[in-house]
Amino acid sequence: MSKVRIPGHEAREKLGWWHAHRFLLLRRLTQLGVIALFLLGPLVGLWVLKGNLSSSLLLDRVPLADPLVLLQSLTAGHWPLTALWLGSAIVLLGYWLVGGRVFCSWVCPVNLITDAAAWLRMRLGIRAGGTLFRSARYWLLAMVLLLPLATGLLVWEWVNPVPLSLRALLFGMGAGWSLLLALFLFDLFVVERGWCGHLCPVGAFWALVNRVGFIKISASGRDRCSNCMDCYAVCPERPILKGPVHGARRGHGPLISAQECLNCGRCIDVCAEQVFTISVGFAVKADNMSEKQQ
């Protein structure tokens, strides 16, 4: 049995352990920090964030809400409270600035589970698996918005694993844990990155917001690429790398402008040749102009 090659080994040898793991560690600290802020209230009586990732209050004053919940309420025929409008606007503006799918990779607790499945799949050398259309998540998003129109109920919120994961932590074993276990096993044995990469309607919504994000990843050093494929191995959305990394001859610019990019930074972590950088603000606009000219 051949030894499984672990992506990032060359980056660790050449650039050091911290450089090869920095974005991964920062993401984990952020995800666990968000969970901790929700748990502080029930556990020790310090209410920093009250509620869940669908709807919450920051310091008992600032409303925060999932804009997808607002859209479901509207299609169900319910006029949302002012707090839901304001909370959705605050959250939407925040993710519009940094890139919508930052929610998926830096905040969503389900990402911890699907990343664990991807890590274990790589360690065990599991290669075979089913396939799904990448557009499936957008069809599911349409269904999430159409079901309230037909039923008058926010059906998706009954099974949405994002708020269910926090409920599972607060209230112990139950349906939430069963669903999360099912997602883990699905990603591990059935379809690689199946949930976050192909099916999640929440990710599909934030991908649409991500089209106008302020922060992007750029393969600005692609001339140094050694074709080690480590970035492909760790990227949750592998097809988005093909043009920016290997498409210079076909006129592709280096900016990873695909709306599916999670801005997770793993490609930056594992690349020993430092092909990838973060582009912010005007740099993003400049790269977009370069792509159009090509």
Protein backbone atom coordinates (compact mmCIF):
# COMPACT_ATOMS: atom_id res chain seq x y z
CA MET A 1 0.00 0.00 0.00
CA SER A 2 1.55 3.29 -1.08
CA LYS A 3 2.05 6.07 1.41
CA VAL A 4 -0.52 8.86 1.23
CA ARG A 5 1.02 12.16 0.23
CA ILE A 6 -0.02 14.93 2.63
CA PRO A 7 -0.42 18.36 0.95
CA GLY A 8 1.68 21.14 2.44
CA HIS A 9 4.72 19.01 3.33
CA GLU A 10 6.98 21.02 1.01
CA ALA A 11 5.58 24.29 2.35
CA ARG A 12 6.37 23.18 5.91
CA GLU A 13 9.90 22.21 4.93
CA LYS A 14 10.58 25.38 2.96
CA LEU A 15 8.57 28.08 4.75
CA GLY A 16 7.96 26.70 8.23
CA TRP A 17 5.08 25.12 10.13
CA TRP A 18 3.25 28.37 10.87
CA HIS A 19 3.22 29.49 7.25
CA ALA A 20 1.83 26.12 6.15
CA HIS A 21 -1.03 26.24 8.68
CA ARG A 22 -1.72 29.90 9.48
CA PHE A 23 -5.02 30.35 7.64
CA LEU A 24 -6.28 26.97 8.78
CA LEU A 25 -5.53 27.80 12.41
CA LEU A 26 -7.05 31.28 12.16
CA ARG A 27 -10.19 29.80 10.64
CA ARG A 28 -10.50 27.24 13.41
CA LEU A 29 -10.01 29.91 16.08
CA THR A 30 -12.69 32.04 14.43
CA GLN A 31 -15.18 29.17 14.10
CA LEU A 32 -14.65 27.97 17.66
CA GLY A 33 -14.71 31.56 18.90
CA VAL A 34 -18.13 32.17 17.35
CA ILE A 35 -19.46 28.97 18.92
CA ALA A 36 -17.98 30.00 22.29
CA LEU A 37 -19.70 33.40 22.12
CA PHE A 38 -23.06 31.67 21.69
CA LEU A 39 -22.36 29.20 24.50
CA LEU A 40 -21.15 31.75 27.06
CA GLY A 41 -24.73 32.81 27.85
CA PRO A 42 -26.27 29.42 28.61
CA LEU A 43 -23.12 28.13 30.33
CA VAL A 44 -21.89 31.06 32.44
CA GLY A 45 -24.57 33.75 32.05
CA LEU A 46 -22.47 36.08 29.87
CA TRP A 47 -24.71 36.91 26.92
CA VAL A 48 -22.49 38.15 24.11
CA LEU A 49 -24.43 36.44 21.33
CA LYS A 50 -27.96 35.27 22.10
CA GLY A 51 -29.76 32.99 19.66
CA ASN A 52 -28.17 31.11 16.78
CA LEU A 53 -26.71 31.70 13.33
CA SER A 54 -30.17 32.18 11.83
CA SER A 55 -31.14 35.01 14.16
CA SER A 56 -29.33 36.47 17.16
CA LEU A 57 -28.67 39.54 19.31
CA LEU A 58 -25.19 40.94 19.86
CA LEU A 59 -24.80 42.29 23.42
CA ASP A 60 -28.61 42.32 23.73
CA ARG A 61 -28.77 45.32 21.39
CA VAL A 62 -27.57 44.70 17.85
CA PRO A 63 -29.75 42.33 15.79
CA LEU A 64 -28.03 39.90 13.45
CA ALA A 65 -29.97 37.68 11.06
CA ASP A 66 -29.45 35.34 8.13
CA PRO A 67 -30.70 37.12 4.98
CA LEU A 68 -31.84 33.75 3.64
CA VAL A 69 -34.28 33.51 6.56
CA LEU A 70 -35.61 36.94 5.60
CA LEU A 71 -36.16 35.80 2.00
CA GLN A 72 -37.94 32.66 3.19
CA SER A 73 -40.20 34.74 5.42
CA LEU A 74 -41.12 36.96 2.49
CA THR A 75 -41.90 34.04 0.17
CA ALA A 76 -43.97 32.47 2.95
CA GLY A 77 -46.11 35.59 2.96
CA HIS A 78 -44.95 36.87 6.35
CA TRP A 79 -43.80 40.47 6.73
CA PRO A 80 -40.70 40.24 8.94
CA LEU A 81 -40.18 42.35 12.04
CA THR A 82 -37.97 45.42 11.78
CA ALA A 83 -35.23 43.64 13.75
CA LEU A 84 -35.03 40.93 11.08
CA TRP A 85 -34.73 43.51 8.31
CA LEU A 86 -32.03 45.41 10.20
CA GLY A 87 -30.16 42.26 11.26
CA SER A 88 -30.19 40.90 7.70
CA ALA A 89 -28.92 44.21 6.32
CA ILE A 90 -26.02 44.28 8.81
CA VAL A 91 -24.98 40.70 8.04
CA LEU A 92 -25.41 41.10 4.28
CA LEU A 93 -23.29 44.26 4.24
CA GLY A 94 -20.57 42.61 6.29
CA TYR A 95 -20.28 39.57 4.05
CA TRP A 96 -20.64 41.68 0.92
CA LEU A 97 -17.46 43.52 1.95
CA VAL A 98 -15.33 40.48 2.80
CA GLY A 99 -16.88 37.94 0.39
CA GLY A 100 -20.04 35.96 1.04
CA ARG A 101 -18.52 32.49 1.24
CA VAL A 102 -16.26 33.63 4.05
CA PHE A 103 -19.28 32.59 6.14
CA CYS A 104 -18.85 29.01 4.91
CA SER A 105 -15.13 28.71 5.68
CA TRP A 106 -14.63 31.07 8.64
CA VAL A 107 -17.92 31.00 10.58
CA CYS A 108 -20.17 28.03 9.74
CA PRO A 109 -19.78 25.25 12.37
CA VAL A 110 -20.76 22.58 9.81
CA ASN A 111 -17.48 23.34 8.00
CA LEU A 112 -15.64 21.82 10.97
CA ILE A 113 -17.43 18.54 10.30
CA THR A 114 -17.05 18.47 6.53
CA ASP A 115 -13.39 19.49 6.77
CA ALA A 116 -12.85 16.65 9.25
CA ALA A 117 -14.40 14.23 6.76
CA ALA A 118 -12.16 15.56 3.97
CA TRP A 119 -9.07 15.25 6.20
CA LEU A 120 -9.92 11.68 7.20
CA ARG A 121 -10.75 10.78 3.61
CA MET A 122 -7.29 11.99 2.57
CA ARG A 123 -5.56 10.14 5.44
CA LEU A 124 -7.35 6.89 4.62
CA GLY A 125 -6.66 7.29 0.92
CA ILE A 126 -10.34 7.04 -0.04
CA ARG A 127 -10.50 8.01 -3.71
CA ALA A 128 -13.65 6.45 -5.10
CA GLY A 129 -17.01 8.08 -4.65
CA GLY A 130 -20.09 9.41 -6.34
CA THR A 131 -20.42 12.67 -8.22
CA LEU A 132 -22.95 15.48 -8.14
CA PHE A 133 -23.61 18.45 -10.37
CA ARG A 134 -22.03 21.59 -8.92
CA SER A 135 -25.22 23.45 -9.83
CA ALA A 136 -27.25 21.19 -7.51
CA ARG A 137 -26.88 23.64 -4.62
CA TYR A 138 -28.51 26.41 -6.65
CA TRP A 139 -31.47 24.17 -7.45
CA LEU A 140 -31.76 23.36 -3.75
CA LEU A 141 -31.60 27.08 -2.95
CA ALA A 142 -34.50 27.66 -5.35
CA MET A 143 -36.41 24.86 -3.59
CA VAL A 144 -35.69 26.43 -0.18
CA LEU A 145 -37.30 29.65 -1.41
CA LEU A 146 -40.21 27.96 -3.21
CA LEU A 147 -41.29 25.67 -0.37
CA PRO A 148 -42.39 28.58 1.88
CA LEU A 149 -44.37 29.94 -1.07
CA ALA A 150 -46.24 26.63 -1.35
CA THR A 151 -46.59 25.83 2.36
CA GLY A 152 -46.45 29.16 4.19
CA LEU A 153 -43.75 27.64 6.41
CA LEU A 154 -39.98 28.06 6.66
CA VAL A 155 -39.47 24.37 5.93
CA TRP A 156 -35.69 24.56 5.43
CA GLU A 157 -35.13 25.97 8.91
CA TRP A 158 -36.46 22.73 10.41
CA VAL A 159 -33.48 20.82 8.98
CA ASN A 160 -30.87 23.53 8.38
CA PRO A 161 -27.68 21.99 9.89
CA VAL A 162 -26.15 25.41 10.61
CA PRO A 163 -28.46 26.40 13.51
CA LEU A 164 -29.05 22.74 14.37
CA SER A 165 -25.35 22.30 15.15
CA LEU A 166 -25.54 24.96 17.88
CA ARG A 167 -28.76 23.47 19.25
CA ALA A 168 -27.04 20.09 19.40
CA LEU A 169 -24.23 21.58 21.50
CA LEU A 170 -26.69 23.32 23.82
CA PHE A 171 -29.24 20.58 24.31
CA GLY A 172 -27.26 17.39 23.79
CA MET A 173 -28.04 14.34 21.71
CA GLY A 174 -30.95 14.45 19.31
CA ALA A 175 -31.90 14.98 15.69
CA GLY A 176 -29.21 17.63 15.26
CA TRP A 177 -26.39 15.22 16.07
CA SER A 178 -27.91 12.55 13.82
CA LEU A 179 -28.03 14.96 10.89
CA LEU A 180 -24.45 16.12 11.45
CA LEU A 181 -23.25 12.51 11.63
CA ALA A 182 -25.07 11.78 8.38
CA LEU A 183 -23.32 14.74 6.68
CA PHE A 184 -19.94 13.53 7.95
CA LEU A 185 -20.49 9.99 6.64
CA PHE A 186 -21.87 11.31 3.35
CA ASP A 187 -18.73 13.39 2.76
CA LEU A 188 -16.42 10.61 3.93
CA PHE A 189 -17.80 7.67 1.96
CA VAL A 190 -20.25 8.88 -0.70
CA VAL A 191 -19.21 12.19 -2.33
CA GLU A 192 -16.01 14.08 -1.56
CA ARG A 193 -16.91 17.58 -0.29
CA GLY A 194 -20.47 16.56 -1.08
CA TRP A 195 -22.37 18.83 1.27
CA CYS A 196 -20.46 22.13 1.27
CA GLY A 197 -19.14 21.73 -2.27
CA HIS A 198 -22.27 20.54 -4.04
CA LEU A 199 -25.49 20.67 -2.03
CA CYS A 200 -25.67 23.28 0.74
CA PRO A 201 -28.26 25.96 -0.19
CA VAL A 202 -26.83 28.33 2.43
CA GLY A 203 -23.48 28.13 0.64
CA ALA A 204 -25.27 28.72 -2.66
CA PHE A 205 -26.84 31.90 -1.29
CA TRP A 206 -23.51 33.24 -0.04
CA ALA A 207 -21.86 32.28 -3.32
CA LEU A 208 -24.26 34.66 -5.09
CA VAL A 209 -23.31 37.41 -2.63
CA ASN A 210 -19.65 36.51 -3.19
CA ARG A 211 -19.76 37.81 -6.77
CA VAL A 212 -19.05 41.32 -5.47
CA GLY A 213 -16.75 40.56 -2.53
CA PHE A 214 -14.06 43.07 -1.56
CA ILE A 215 -11.45 40.38 -0.82
CA LYS A 216 -10.26 37.78 -3.35
CA ILE A 217 -7.44 35.26 -3.75
CA SER A 218 -5.06 35.74 -6.67
CA ALA A 219 -2.59 33.31 -8.25
CA SER A 220 -0.30 36.27 -8.85
CA GLY A 221 2.83 34.09 -8.72
CA ARG A 222 1.58 31.39 -11.08
CA ASP A 223 4.77 31.62 -13.14
CA ARG A 224 6.47 29.95 -10.14
CA CYS A 225 3.96 27.05 -10.04
CA SER A 226 5.70 23.64 -9.86
CA ASN A 227 2.52 21.65 -10.59
CA CYS A 228 2.75 19.84 -7.25
CA MET A 229 -1.09 19.96 -7.10
CA ASP A 230 -1.17 20.58 -3.34
CA CYS A 231 -3.56 23.49 -3.82
CA TYR A 232 -5.96 21.24 -5.75
CA ALA A 233 -5.76 18.61 -3.01
CA VAL A 234 -6.89 21.00 -0.26
CA CYS A 235 -9.23 23.32 -2.18
CA PRO A 236 -12.91 22.65 -1.36
CA GLU A 237 -13.85 23.97 -4.83
CA ARG A 238 -11.09 22.58 -7.07
CA PRO A 239 -12.47 23.61 -10.50
CA ILE A 240 -12.08 27.31 -9.65
CA LEU A 241 -8.26 26.97 -9.64
CA LYS A 242 -7.83 25.70 -13.19
CA GLY A 243 -8.10 29.03 -15.03
CA PRO A 244 -6.22 31.30 -12.61
CA VAL A 245 -3.35 28.81 -12.06
CA HIS A 246 -3.00 27.14 -15.46
CA GLY A 247 -4.98 29.31 -17.86
CA ALA A 248 -2.49 32.05 -18.76
CA ARG A 249 -2.16 30.83 -22.35
CA ARG A 250 -5.94 30.84 -22.73
CA GLY A 251 -6.24 34.42 -21.52
CA HIS A 252 -7.31 33.75 -17.93
CA GLY A 253 -6.21 36.33 -15.38
CA PRO A 254 -4.70 35.20 -12.06
CA LEU A 255 -7.62 36.43 -9.92
CA ILE A 256 -9.82 33.67 -8.49
CA SER A 257 -13.02 35.56 -9.12
CA ALA A 258 -15.30 32.50 -9.16
CA GLN A 259 -18.20 33.04 -6.80
CA GLU A 260 -17.68 29.59 -5.28
CA CYS A 261 -14.29 30.54 -3.73
CA LEU A 262 -14.46 30.32 0.08
CA ASN A 263 -11.47 32.61 0.74
CA CYS A 264 -10.33 29.89 3.13
CA GLY A 265 -6.65 30.53 2.38
CA ARG A 266 -5.65 26.86 2.28
CA CYS A 267 -4.10 27.28 -1.16
CA ILE A 268 -1.89 30.00 0.33
CA ASP A 269 -0.97 27.74 3.27
CA VAL A 270 0.16 24.69 1.33
CA CYS A 271 1.93 26.33 -1.62
CA ALA A 272 5.70 26.11 -1.19
CA GLU A 273 6.25 28.39 -4.20
CA GLN A 274 4.01 31.16 -2.78
CA VAL A 275 1.86 31.28 -5.90
CA PHE A 276 -1.19 32.71 -4.10
CA THR A 277 -1.78 36.09 -2.47
CA ILE A 278 -4.76 38.00 -1.09
CA SER A 279 -6.05 40.85 -3.25
CA VAL A 280 -8.03 43.58 -1.51
CA GLY A 281 -10.09 46.51 -2.74
CA PHE A 282 -8.53 48.34 -5.66
CA ALA A 283 -6.18 45.40 -6.29
CA VAL A 284 -9.27 43.27 -6.99
CA LYS A 285 -10.60 45.86 -9.42
CA ALA A 286 -7.24 46.09 -11.16
CA ASP A 287 -7.09 42.32 -11.59
CA ASN A 288 -10.62 42.29 -12.97
CA MET A 289 -9.67 44.98 -15.50
CA SER A 290 -6.63 42.89 -16.50
CA GLU A 291 -8.81 39.83 -17.07
CA LYS A 292 -11.21 41.79 -19.27
CA GLN A 293 -8.35 43.19 -21.35
CA GLN A 294 -7.01 39.67 -21.91
